[in-house]
Amino acid sequence: MKCYDLVKKILEECPETRDSDNALEWEYLVRQGLVVNGSITKEMFLKTSALETARRSKQDIQNKRHLFDKSPEVKKWTQEKAKQKGTHVYRETVWGEDGVAYETD
């Protein structure tokens, strides 16, 4: 099965993946049999096809083909983020496992 077809199937069967790239990517890994007991090893992770391809497939399906749309709340949030013209990447917080914001030197 092609990546695009798998993503389309996931979006159809798992509505929660329509609003979250992370949820989609997790289900994508699960469907490939790479997640064992809720975990994935580095070795298994490196066997997957590019997650970016899955994300872009989702983007194409939702934005160009208008299938499996995002919820109205997420749509509004992404529209607001788009108004920042890409500068949000410089301000987005990265969180550590302990729930504390990751700080750089």
N, C-alpha and C. Protein backbone atom coordinates (compact mmCIF):
# COMPACT_ATOMS: atom_id res chain seq x y z
N MET A 1 0.85 -1.17 0.00
CA MET A 1 0.00 0.00 0.00
C MET A 1 0.89 1.24 0.00
N LYS A 2 0.50 2.21 -0.75
CA LYS A 2 1.24 3.47 -0.81
C LYS A 2 0.97 4.29 0.45
N CYS A 3 1.92 5.14 0.81
CA CYS A 3 1.80 6.00 1.99
C CYS A 3 0.51 6.81 1.93
N TYR A 4 0.24 7.42 0.80
CA TYR A 4 -0.95 8.25 0.63
C TYR A 4 -2.22 7.46 0.94
N ASP A 5 -2.29 6.23 0.43
CA ASP A 5 -3.47 5.39 0.64
C ASP A 5 -3.62 5.00 2.10
N LEU A 6 -2.51 4.71 2.77
CA LEU A 6 -2.56 4.36 4.18
C LEU A 6 -3.03 5.55 5.01
N VAL A 7 -2.52 6.73 4.70
CA VAL A 7 -2.93 7.94 5.43
C VAL A 7 -4.41 8.20 5.22
N LYS A 8 -4.88 8.05 4.00
CA LYS A 8 -6.31 8.26 3.71
C LYS A 8 -7.16 7.28 4.51
N LYS A 9 -6.74 6.03 4.58
CA LYS A 9 -7.46 5.00 5.34
C LYS A 9 -7.48 5.34 6.83
N ILE A 10 -6.34 5.79 7.35
CA ILE A 10 -6.26 6.18 8.77
C ILE A 10 -7.20 7.35 9.05
N LEU A 11 -7.18 8.37 8.19
CA LEU A 11 -8.06 9.52 8.38
C LEU A 11 -9.53 9.12 8.35
N GLU A 12 -9.85 8.17 7.52
CA GLU A 12 -11.23 7.69 7.41
C GLU A 12 -11.63 6.91 8.66
N GLU A 13 -10.76 6.05 9.14
CA GLU A 13 -11.08 5.14 10.25
C GLU A 13 -10.85 5.73 11.64
N CYS A 14 -9.98 6.73 11.75
CA CYS A 14 -9.63 7.30 13.05
C CYS A 14 -9.81 8.82 13.01
N PRO A 15 -11.02 9.31 13.26
CA PRO A 15 -11.28 10.75 13.16
C PRO A 15 -10.37 11.62 14.02
N GLU A 16 -9.86 11.10 15.13
CA GLU A 16 -8.98 11.89 16.00
C GLU A 16 -7.68 12.27 15.30
N THR A 17 -7.31 11.56 14.25
CA THR A 17 -6.07 11.87 13.53
C THR A 17 -6.23 13.05 12.58
N ARG A 18 -7.46 13.48 12.35
CA ARG A 18 -7.72 14.60 11.44
C ARG A 18 -7.25 15.92 12.01
N ASP A 19 -7.20 16.02 13.34
CA ASP A 19 -6.81 17.26 14.01
C ASP A 19 -5.38 17.25 14.52
N SER A 20 -4.68 16.14 14.40
CA SER A 20 -3.36 16.04 15.03
C SER A 20 -2.38 15.28 14.14
N ASP A 21 -1.33 15.97 13.73
CA ASP A 21 -0.27 15.29 12.98
C ASP A 21 0.38 14.20 13.83
N ASN A 22 0.55 14.48 15.12
CA ASN A 22 1.17 13.49 16.01
C ASN A 22 0.32 12.22 16.10
N ALA A 23 -0.99 12.39 16.25
CA ALA A 23 -1.88 11.22 16.32
C ALA A 23 -1.83 10.44 15.02
N LEU A 24 -1.81 11.15 13.90
CA LEU A 24 -1.71 10.48 12.61
C LEU A 24 -0.40 9.71 12.49
N GLU A 25 0.70 10.34 12.85
CA GLU A 25 2.01 9.69 12.74
C GLU A 25 2.10 8.46 13.64
N TRP A 26 1.53 8.54 14.83
CA TRP A 26 1.53 7.38 15.73
C TRP A 26 0.75 6.22 15.11
N GLU A 27 -0.44 6.51 14.61
CA GLU A 27 -1.26 5.46 14.00
C GLU A 27 -0.57 4.90 12.76
N TYR A 28 0.12 5.75 12.04
CA TYR A 28 0.88 5.34 10.85
C TYR A 28 1.95 4.31 11.24
N LEU A 29 2.65 4.59 12.34
CA LEU A 29 3.67 3.64 12.83
C LEU A 29 3.02 2.34 13.32
N VAL A 30 1.91 2.47 14.01
CA VAL A 30 1.19 1.28 14.52
C VAL A 30 0.78 0.39 13.36
N ARG A 31 0.21 0.99 12.33
CA ARG A 31 -0.30 0.21 11.18
C ARG A 31 0.82 -0.48 10.42
N GLN A 32 2.03 0.03 10.54
CA GLN A 32 3.17 -0.62 9.88
C GLN A 32 3.76 -1.73 10.75
N GLY A 33 3.20 -1.91 11.95
CA GLY A 33 3.69 -2.96 12.84
C GLY A 33 4.98 -2.60 13.55
N LEU A 34 5.28 -1.31 13.65
CA LEU A 34 6.54 -0.87 14.24
C LEU A 34 6.42 -0.58 15.73
N VAL A 35 5.20 -0.51 16.25
CA VAL A 35 4.98 -0.24 17.67
C VAL A 35 4.65 -1.57 18.35
N VAL A 36 5.42 -1.91 19.38
CA VAL A 36 5.23 -3.15 20.13
C VAL A 36 4.97 -2.79 21.58
N ASN A 37 3.86 -3.25 22.13
CA ASN A 37 3.49 -2.94 23.52
C ASN A 37 3.49 -1.44 23.80
N GLY A 38 3.02 -0.65 22.84
CA GLY A 38 2.92 0.79 23.04
C GLY A 38 4.23 1.54 22.92
N SER A 39 5.30 0.87 22.48
CA SER A 39 6.61 1.51 22.36
C SER A 39 7.23 1.22 21.00
N ILE A 40 8.17 2.05 20.64
CA ILE A 40 8.91 1.84 19.40
C ILE A 40 10.40 2.02 19.70
N THR A 41 11.20 1.13 19.19
CA THR A 41 12.65 1.24 19.37
C THR A 41 13.24 2.11 18.25
N LYS A 42 14.44 2.57 18.47
CA LYS A 42 15.12 3.35 17.45
C LYS A 42 15.25 2.53 16.17
N GLU A 43 15.61 1.27 16.32
CA GLU A 43 15.77 0.38 15.17
C GLU A 43 14.47 0.31 14.36
N MET A 44 13.35 0.14 15.05
CA MET A 44 12.06 0.07 14.37
C MET A 44 11.68 1.42 13.76
N PHE A 45 11.95 2.49 14.50
CA PHE A 45 11.64 3.83 14.01
C PHE A 45 12.36 4.10 12.69
N LEU A 46 13.63 3.69 12.61
CA LEU A 46 14.41 3.94 11.41
C LEU A 46 13.94 3.12 10.22
N LYS A 47 13.11 2.09 10.46
CA LYS A 47 12.58 1.26 9.37
C LYS A 47 11.37 1.89 8.69
N THR A 48 10.77 2.87 9.31
CA THR A 48 9.55 3.45 8.76
C THR A 48 9.84 4.32 7.55
N SER A 49 8.83 4.46 6.71
CA SER A 49 8.96 5.44 5.64
C SER A 49 8.83 6.81 6.29
N ALA A 50 9.25 7.84 5.64
CA ALA A 50 9.33 9.17 6.22
C ALA A 50 7.99 9.64 6.76
N LEU A 51 7.98 10.06 8.02
CA LEU A 51 6.77 10.59 8.63
C LEU A 51 6.37 11.90 7.98
N GLU A 52 7.33 12.62 7.46
CA GLU A 52 7.02 13.87 6.76
C GLU A 52 6.16 13.58 5.52
N THR A 53 6.39 12.46 4.86
CA THR A 53 5.57 12.08 3.71
C THR A 53 4.14 11.82 4.16
N ALA A 54 3.96 11.19 5.30
CA ALA A 54 2.62 10.94 5.84
C ALA A 54 1.95 12.27 6.17
N ARG A 55 2.67 13.18 6.79
CA ARG A 55 2.09 14.47 7.15
C ARG A 55 1.69 15.26 5.90
N ARG A 56 2.54 15.23 4.89
CA ARG A 56 2.22 15.94 3.65
C ARG A 56 1.04 15.30 2.92
N SER A 57 0.95 13.99 3.02
CA SER A 57 -0.20 13.30 2.42
C SER A 57 -1.49 13.75 3.11
N LYS A 58 -1.45 13.83 4.45
CA LYS A 58 -2.60 14.32 5.21
C LYS A 58 -2.97 15.73 4.78
N GLN A 59 -1.97 16.57 4.63
CA GLN A 59 -2.18 17.96 4.23
C GLN A 59 -2.84 18.01 2.85
N ASP A 60 -2.38 17.21 1.93
CA ASP A 60 -2.94 17.16 0.58
C ASP A 60 -4.39 16.68 0.61
N ILE A 61 -4.64 15.62 1.35
CA ILE A 61 -5.99 15.06 1.44
C ILE A 61 -6.97 16.07 2.02
N GLN A 62 -6.54 16.78 3.06
CA GLN A 62 -7.44 17.72 3.73
C GLN A 62 -7.55 19.06 2.99
N ASN A 63 -6.45 19.60 2.51
CA ASN A 63 -6.46 20.95 1.96
C ASN A 63 -6.74 21.02 0.46
N LYS A 64 -6.30 20.03 -0.29
CA LYS A 64 -6.52 20.07 -1.74
C LYS A 64 -7.72 19.24 -2.17
N ARG A 65 -7.92 18.12 -1.52
CA ARG A 65 -9.01 17.23 -1.90
C ARG A 65 -10.26 17.44 -1.04
N HIS A 66 -10.09 18.22 0.05
CA HIS A 66 -11.20 18.57 0.95
C HIS A 66 -11.92 17.34 1.50
N LEU A 67 -11.14 16.37 1.92
CA LEU A 67 -11.68 15.16 2.56
C LEU A 67 -11.23 15.13 4.01
N PHE A 68 -12.03 14.54 4.87
CA PHE A 68 -11.68 14.30 6.28
C PHE A 68 -11.17 15.59 6.95
N ASP A 69 -11.99 16.59 6.88
CA ASP A 69 -11.62 17.93 7.36
C ASP A 69 -11.30 17.97 8.84
N LYS A 70 -10.51 18.98 9.21
CA LYS A 70 -10.20 19.25 10.61
C LYS A 70 -11.45 19.79 11.30
N SER A 71 -11.46 19.73 12.62
CA SER A 71 -12.57 20.31 13.39
C SER A 71 -12.54 21.83 13.23
N PRO A 72 -13.68 22.50 13.41
CA PRO A 72 -13.71 23.96 13.28
C PRO A 72 -12.72 24.66 14.21
N GLU A 73 -12.53 24.13 15.42
CA GLU A 73 -11.60 24.76 16.37
C GLU A 73 -10.16 24.70 15.85
N VAL A 74 -9.78 23.54 15.34
CA VAL A 74 -8.41 23.38 14.84
C VAL A 74 -8.22 24.19 13.56
N LYS A 75 -9.24 24.24 12.73
CA LYS A 75 -9.17 25.06 11.51
C LYS A 75 -8.90 26.52 11.86
N LYS A 76 -9.63 27.04 12.85
CA LYS A 76 -9.46 28.43 13.27
C LYS A 76 -8.05 28.65 13.80
N TRP A 77 -7.56 27.72 14.62
CA TRP A 77 -6.22 27.83 15.19
C TRP A 77 -5.16 27.83 14.09
N THR A 78 -5.29 26.95 13.09
CA THR A 78 -4.28 26.89 12.03
C THR A 78 -4.33 28.14 11.15
N GLN A 79 -5.52 28.71 10.97
CA GLN A 79 -5.63 29.95 10.20
C GLN A 79 -4.93 31.09 10.93
N GLU A 80 -5.09 31.14 12.25
CA GLU A 80 -4.41 32.18 13.05
C GLU A 80 -2.90 32.00 12.98
N LYS A 81 -2.46 30.75 13.05
CA LYS A 81 -1.03 30.47 12.99
C LYS A 81 -0.47 30.86 11.62
N ALA A 82 -1.24 30.61 10.56
CA ALA A 82 -0.80 30.95 9.20
C ALA A 82 -0.61 32.45 9.02
N LYS A 83 -1.37 33.25 9.74
CA LYS A 83 -1.25 34.70 9.66
C LYS A 83 0.11 35.19 10.15
N GLN A 84 0.79 34.36 10.94
CA GLN A 84 2.11 34.73 11.47
C GLN A 84 3.20 34.53 10.43
N LYS A 85 2.85 34.07 9.26
CA LYS A 85 3.76 33.91 8.11
C LYS A 85 5.01 33.12 8.45
N GLY A 86 4.85 32.03 9.19
CA GLY A 86 5.97 31.15 9.46
C GLY A 86 6.86 31.56 10.61
N THR A 87 6.63 32.72 11.19
CA THR A 87 7.51 33.17 12.27
C THR A 87 7.21 32.44 13.58
N HIS A 88 6.11 31.70 13.65
CA HIS A 88 5.77 30.98 14.89
C HIS A 88 6.84 29.95 15.26
N VAL A 89 7.57 29.47 14.27
CA VAL A 89 8.58 28.44 14.56
C VAL A 89 9.68 28.96 15.47
N TYR A 90 9.85 30.27 15.51
CA TYR A 90 10.88 30.84 16.37
C TYR A 90 10.40 31.03 17.81
N ARG A 91 9.09 30.93 18.02
CA ARG A 91 8.52 31.18 19.34
C ARG A 91 7.88 29.95 19.97
N GLU A 92 7.76 28.86 19.25
CA GLU A 92 7.06 27.69 19.76
C GLU A 92 7.89 27.00 20.85
N THR A 93 7.27 26.72 21.98
CA THR A 93 7.95 26.12 23.12
C THR A 93 8.13 24.62 22.91
N VAL A 94 9.27 24.11 23.31
CA VAL A 94 9.55 22.68 23.30
C VAL A 94 9.53 22.20 24.75
N TRP A 95 8.75 21.16 25.02
CA TRP A 95 8.57 20.68 26.39
C TRP A 95 9.36 19.40 26.62
N GLY A 96 9.98 19.31 27.78
CA GLY A 96 10.71 18.11 28.18
C GLY A 96 9.77 17.05 28.73
N GLU A 97 10.31 15.87 28.94
CA GLU A 97 9.51 14.76 29.48
C GLU A 97 8.92 15.08 30.85
N ASP A 98 9.59 15.96 31.59
CA ASP A 98 9.14 16.31 32.93
C ASP A 98 8.07 17.42 32.93
N GLY A 99 7.67 17.85 31.74
CA GLY A 99 6.65 18.88 31.62
C GLY A 99 7.18 20.29 31.76
N VAL A 100 8.50 20.43 31.83
CA VAL A 100 9.13 21.74 31.96
C VAL A 100 9.63 22.17 30.59
N ALA A 101 9.48 23.44 30.27
CA ALA A 101 9.95 23.95 28.99
C ALA A 101 11.43 23.71 28.83
N TYR A 102 11.83 23.21 27.68
CA TYR A 102 13.23 22.97 27.38
C TYR A 102 13.92 24.30 27.15
N GLU A 103 15.03 24.50 27.81
CA GLU A 103 15.78 25.75 27.69
C GLU A 103 17.12 25.49 27.00
N THR A 104 17.53 26.44 26.18
CA THR A 104 18.85 26.37 25.55
C THR A 104 19.79 27.27 26.33
N ASP A 105 21.06 27.06 26.10
CA ASP A 105 22.06 27.88 26.82
C ASP A 105 22.05 29.30 26.37
